[in-house]
Amino acid sequence: NEVIDYIHEARVTGIISTKTMLINMGTNDGAQVGDLVDVFSINPDHSLGQPVARAQIIQSETDRSQVTILEVYQETAIKTGFIVKKPLKL
């Protein structure tokens, strides 16, 4: 398994549908439409869990973006508060 370096961390701030959510990372943070991000669950002890999905930014404003799920790694309901990280390069 290759190690992925991440450059920005954000949180899921809203759920629009099972495949679409809002995150608190926007153009001010270097987010651009088309960027890929990984979504991580949060463990009961509040530590970072496993990556559960890969998503793509489909709309971006200064302080938030809308993302859509491209690939599910782990069947889990994505919730607000889950961590979103942007890979350095893919």
N, C-alpha and C. Protein backbone atom coordinates (compact mmCIF):
# COMPACT_ATOMS: atom_id res chain seq x y z
N ASN A 1 0.84 -1.19 0.00
CA ASN A 1 0.00 0.00 0.00
C ASN A 1 0.88 1.25 0.00
N GLU A 2 0.67 2.11 -0.96
CA GLU A 2 1.50 3.31 -1.02
C GLU A 2 1.04 4.32 0.03
N VAL A 3 1.99 5.07 0.53
CA VAL A 3 1.68 6.09 1.52
C VAL A 3 1.32 7.37 0.79
N ILE A 4 0.22 7.98 1.20
CA ILE A 4 -0.22 9.23 0.57
C ILE A 4 0.09 10.38 1.52
N ASP A 5 0.72 11.42 0.99
CA ASP A 5 0.96 12.62 1.78
C ASP A 5 -0.21 13.57 1.56
N TYR A 6 -0.69 14.14 2.64
CA TYR A 6 -1.82 15.07 2.55
C TYR A 6 -1.36 16.47 2.91
N ILE A 7 -1.97 17.48 2.25
CA ILE A 7 -1.54 18.85 2.49
C ILE A 7 -2.59 19.69 3.19
N HIS A 8 -3.82 19.26 3.22
CA HIS A 8 -4.83 20.09 3.88
C HIS A 8 -5.85 19.20 4.53
N GLU A 9 -6.32 19.62 5.69
CA GLU A 9 -7.31 18.86 6.41
C GLU A 9 -8.53 19.73 6.66
N ALA A 10 -9.69 19.17 6.45
CA ALA A 10 -10.94 19.89 6.68
C ALA A 10 -11.93 18.92 7.30
N ARG A 11 -13.14 19.41 7.50
CA ARG A 11 -14.19 18.56 8.06
C ARG A 11 -15.42 18.58 7.17
N VAL A 12 -16.16 17.49 7.22
CA VAL A 12 -17.48 17.46 6.58
C VAL A 12 -18.39 18.30 7.47
N THR A 13 -18.99 19.33 6.87
CA THR A 13 -19.83 20.24 7.65
C THR A 13 -21.30 20.08 7.35
N GLY A 14 -21.63 19.39 6.28
CA GLY A 14 -23.04 19.19 5.95
C GLY A 14 -23.21 18.05 4.97
N ILE A 15 -24.33 17.37 5.08
CA ILE A 15 -24.65 16.26 4.18
C ILE A 15 -25.81 16.70 3.30
N ILE A 16 -25.61 16.67 1.99
CA ILE A 16 -26.65 17.05 1.05
C ILE A 16 -27.42 15.81 0.58
N SER A 17 -26.67 14.75 0.27
CA SER A 17 -27.27 13.48 -0.12
C SER A 17 -26.28 12.39 0.25
N THR A 18 -26.59 11.15 -0.08
CA THR A 18 -25.68 10.06 0.26
C THR A 18 -24.34 10.21 -0.47
N LYS A 19 -24.33 10.93 -1.57
CA LYS A 19 -23.10 11.06 -2.36
C LYS A 19 -22.52 12.47 -2.34
N THR A 20 -23.22 13.43 -1.80
CA THR A 20 -22.80 14.83 -1.89
C THR A 20 -22.77 15.47 -0.50
N MET A 21 -21.67 16.18 -0.22
CA MET A 21 -21.57 16.82 1.09
C MET A 21 -20.81 18.13 0.99
N LEU A 22 -20.89 18.91 2.06
CA LEU A 22 -20.17 20.17 2.17
C LEU A 22 -18.97 19.97 3.08
N ILE A 23 -17.86 20.62 2.73
CA ILE A 23 -16.67 20.59 3.58
C ILE A 23 -16.21 22.02 3.81
N ASN A 24 -15.47 22.23 4.91
CA ASN A 24 -15.02 23.59 5.24
C ASN A 24 -13.61 23.84 4.70
N MET A 25 -13.43 23.52 3.44
CA MET A 25 -12.18 23.81 2.71
C MET A 25 -12.61 24.50 1.42
N GLY A 26 -12.07 25.69 1.18
CA GLY A 26 -12.47 26.42 -0.01
C GLY A 26 -11.28 26.93 -0.80
N THR A 27 -11.56 27.84 -1.71
CA THR A 27 -10.49 28.36 -2.57
C THR A 27 -9.42 29.07 -1.76
N ASN A 28 -9.78 29.65 -0.60
CA ASN A 28 -8.78 30.27 0.27
C ASN A 28 -7.76 29.24 0.77
N ASP A 29 -8.17 27.98 0.81
CA ASP A 29 -7.31 26.89 1.29
C ASP A 29 -6.64 26.15 0.12
N GLY A 30 -6.83 26.67 -1.09
CA GLY A 30 -6.22 26.03 -2.25
C GLY A 30 -7.09 24.97 -2.90
N ALA A 31 -8.33 24.87 -2.47
CA ALA A 31 -9.24 23.88 -3.07
C ALA A 31 -9.74 24.40 -4.41
N GLN A 32 -9.79 23.51 -5.38
CA GLN A 32 -10.27 23.89 -6.70
C GLN A 32 -11.22 22.81 -7.21
N VAL A 33 -12.17 23.22 -8.04
CA VAL A 33 -13.08 22.25 -8.65
C VAL A 33 -12.24 21.20 -9.39
N GLY A 34 -12.56 19.96 -9.18
CA GLY A 34 -11.81 18.87 -9.82
C GLY A 34 -10.83 18.20 -8.88
N ASP A 35 -10.46 18.89 -7.77
CA ASP A 35 -9.53 18.29 -6.81
C ASP A 35 -10.14 17.04 -6.18
N LEU A 36 -9.28 16.08 -5.90
CA LEU A 36 -9.71 14.87 -5.20
C LEU A 36 -9.38 15.00 -3.72
N VAL A 37 -10.25 14.46 -2.88
CA VAL A 37 -10.01 14.44 -1.43
C VAL A 37 -10.40 13.06 -0.90
N ASP A 38 -9.79 12.66 0.19
CA ASP A 38 -10.17 11.43 0.85
C ASP A 38 -10.95 11.76 2.11
N VAL A 39 -11.97 10.95 2.38
CA VAL A 39 -12.83 11.15 3.54
C VAL A 39 -12.48 10.07 4.57
N PHE A 40 -12.21 10.48 5.79
CA PHE A 40 -11.83 9.56 6.87
C PHE A 40 -12.89 9.56 7.96
N SER A 41 -13.14 8.38 8.49
CA SER A 41 -14.06 8.29 9.64
C SER A 41 -13.34 8.77 10.90
N ILE A 42 -14.11 8.97 11.94
CA ILE A 42 -13.57 9.35 13.24
C ILE A 42 -13.85 8.19 14.21
N ASN A 43 -12.83 7.75 14.91
CA ASN A 43 -12.99 6.67 15.88
C ASN A 43 -13.73 7.16 17.12
N PRO A 44 -14.28 6.22 17.90
CA PRO A 44 -14.99 6.62 19.14
C PRO A 44 -14.12 7.46 20.07
N ASP A 45 -12.79 7.26 20.04
CA ASP A 45 -11.91 8.06 20.90
C ASP A 45 -11.49 9.37 20.23
N HIS A 46 -12.15 9.71 19.12
CA HIS A 46 -11.95 10.96 18.37
C HIS A 46 -10.65 10.98 17.57
N SER A 47 -9.95 9.86 17.49
CA SER A 47 -8.77 9.80 16.63
C SER A 47 -9.21 9.55 15.19
N LEU A 48 -8.28 9.75 14.27
CA LEU A 48 -8.57 9.58 12.85
C LEU A 48 -8.77 8.11 12.52
N GLY A 49 -9.85 7.80 11.84
CA GLY A 49 -10.14 6.43 11.46
C GLY A 49 -9.59 6.11 10.08
N GLN A 50 -10.19 5.11 9.46
CA GLN A 50 -9.76 4.66 8.14
C GLN A 50 -10.35 5.56 7.05
N PRO A 51 -9.68 5.62 5.88
CA PRO A 51 -10.32 6.32 4.76
C PRO A 51 -11.55 5.53 4.33
N VAL A 52 -12.68 6.20 4.19
CA VAL A 52 -13.92 5.50 3.82
C VAL A 52 -14.34 5.79 2.39
N ALA A 53 -13.83 6.89 1.82
CA ALA A 53 -14.24 7.23 0.45
C ALA A 53 -13.29 8.23 -0.17
N ARG A 54 -13.31 8.27 -1.50
CA ARG A 54 -12.62 9.33 -2.24
C ARG A 54 -13.70 10.18 -2.89
N ALA A 55 -13.51 11.49 -2.79
CA ALA A 55 -14.51 12.42 -3.33
C ALA A 55 -13.82 13.44 -4.21
N GLN A 56 -14.63 14.14 -4.98
CA GLN A 56 -14.11 15.18 -5.88
C GLN A 56 -14.87 16.47 -5.62
N ILE A 57 -14.12 17.58 -5.61
CA ILE A 57 -14.74 18.89 -5.42
C ILE A 57 -15.49 19.26 -6.70
N ILE A 58 -16.79 19.55 -6.56
CA ILE A 58 -17.60 19.90 -7.73
C ILE A 58 -18.01 21.37 -7.72
N GLN A 59 -17.84 22.03 -6.56
CA GLN A 59 -18.17 23.45 -6.46
C GLN A 59 -17.35 24.00 -5.32
N SER A 60 -16.75 25.16 -5.53
CA SER A 60 -15.87 25.70 -4.48
C SER A 60 -16.09 27.19 -4.29
N GLU A 61 -16.23 27.60 -3.03
CA GLU A 61 -16.32 29.01 -2.66
C GLU A 61 -15.10 29.32 -1.79
N THR A 62 -15.01 30.55 -1.29
CA THR A 62 -13.81 30.94 -0.55
C THR A 62 -13.56 30.06 0.67
N ASP A 63 -14.62 29.73 1.39
CA ASP A 63 -14.42 29.02 2.66
C ASP A 63 -15.11 27.67 2.75
N ARG A 64 -15.68 27.20 1.66
CA ARG A 64 -16.31 25.88 1.67
C ARG A 64 -16.42 25.33 0.26
N SER A 65 -16.59 24.03 0.20
CA SER A 65 -16.73 23.36 -1.10
C SER A 65 -17.80 22.28 -1.00
N GLN A 66 -18.31 21.93 -2.16
CA GLN A 66 -19.22 20.81 -2.26
C GLN A 66 -18.46 19.68 -2.93
N VAL A 67 -18.56 18.48 -2.37
CA VAL A 67 -17.86 17.33 -2.94
C VAL A 67 -18.85 16.22 -3.23
N THR A 68 -18.49 15.39 -4.20
CA THR A 68 -19.31 14.22 -4.52
C THR A 68 -18.44 12.98 -4.43
N ILE A 69 -19.00 11.91 -3.90
CA ILE A 69 -18.26 10.66 -3.71
C ILE A 69 -18.03 9.98 -5.05
N LEU A 70 -16.77 9.64 -5.34
CA LEU A 70 -16.42 8.92 -6.56
C LEU A 70 -16.26 7.43 -6.30
N GLU A 71 -15.66 7.12 -5.17
CA GLU A 71 -15.30 5.73 -4.87
C GLU A 71 -15.46 5.49 -3.38
N VAL A 72 -16.14 4.40 -3.04
CA VAL A 72 -16.33 4.06 -1.63
C VAL A 72 -15.34 2.96 -1.27
N TYR A 73 -14.55 3.21 -0.21
CA TYR A 73 -13.58 2.21 0.25
C TYR A 73 -14.20 1.31 1.31
N GLN A 74 -15.11 1.87 2.07
CA GLN A 74 -15.68 1.18 3.21
C GLN A 74 -17.13 1.61 3.33
N GLU A 75 -18.05 0.64 3.35
CA GLU A 75 -19.47 0.99 3.44
C GLU A 75 -19.76 1.58 4.81
N THR A 76 -19.92 2.87 4.87
CA THR A 76 -20.25 3.53 6.12
C THR A 76 -20.99 4.80 5.80
N ALA A 77 -21.87 5.19 6.67
CA ALA A 77 -22.60 6.44 6.45
C ALA A 77 -21.65 7.59 6.81
N ILE A 78 -21.38 8.44 5.85
CA ILE A 78 -20.51 9.59 6.11
C ILE A 78 -21.31 10.61 6.92
N LYS A 79 -20.69 11.08 7.99
CA LYS A 79 -21.38 11.99 8.91
C LYS A 79 -20.64 13.32 8.99
N THR A 80 -21.35 14.34 9.46
CA THR A 80 -20.68 15.61 9.71
C THR A 80 -19.62 15.37 10.78
N GLY A 81 -18.51 16.06 10.65
CA GLY A 81 -17.41 15.88 11.58
C GLY A 81 -16.33 14.95 11.06
N PHE A 82 -16.66 14.13 10.04
CA PHE A 82 -15.64 13.28 9.43
C PHE A 82 -14.55 14.18 8.86
N ILE A 83 -13.34 13.67 8.80
CA ILE A 83 -12.19 14.44 8.32
C ILE A 83 -12.02 14.25 6.81
N VAL A 84 -11.70 15.34 6.14
CA VAL A 84 -11.43 15.31 4.70
C VAL A 84 -10.00 15.79 4.51
N LYS A 85 -9.22 15.03 3.74
CA LYS A 85 -7.83 15.44 3.49
C LYS A 85 -7.58 15.46 1.99
N LYS A 86 -6.82 16.46 1.58
CA LYS A 86 -6.47 16.61 0.17
C LYS A 86 -5.09 15.99 -0.06
N PRO A 87 -5.01 14.98 -0.93
CA PRO A 87 -3.69 14.39 -1.22
C PRO A 87 -2.77 15.41 -1.88
N LEU A 88 -1.49 15.33 -1.57
CA LEU A 88 -0.49 16.23 -2.15
C LEU A 88 -0.48 16.10 -3.66
N LYS A 89 -0.45 14.85 -4.14
CA LYS A 89 -0.52 14.65 -5.59
C LYS A 89 -1.00 13.23 -5.85
N LEU A 90 -1.68 13.05 -6.95
CA LEU A 90 -2.19 11.73 -7.32
C LEU A 90 -1.74 11.38 -8.72
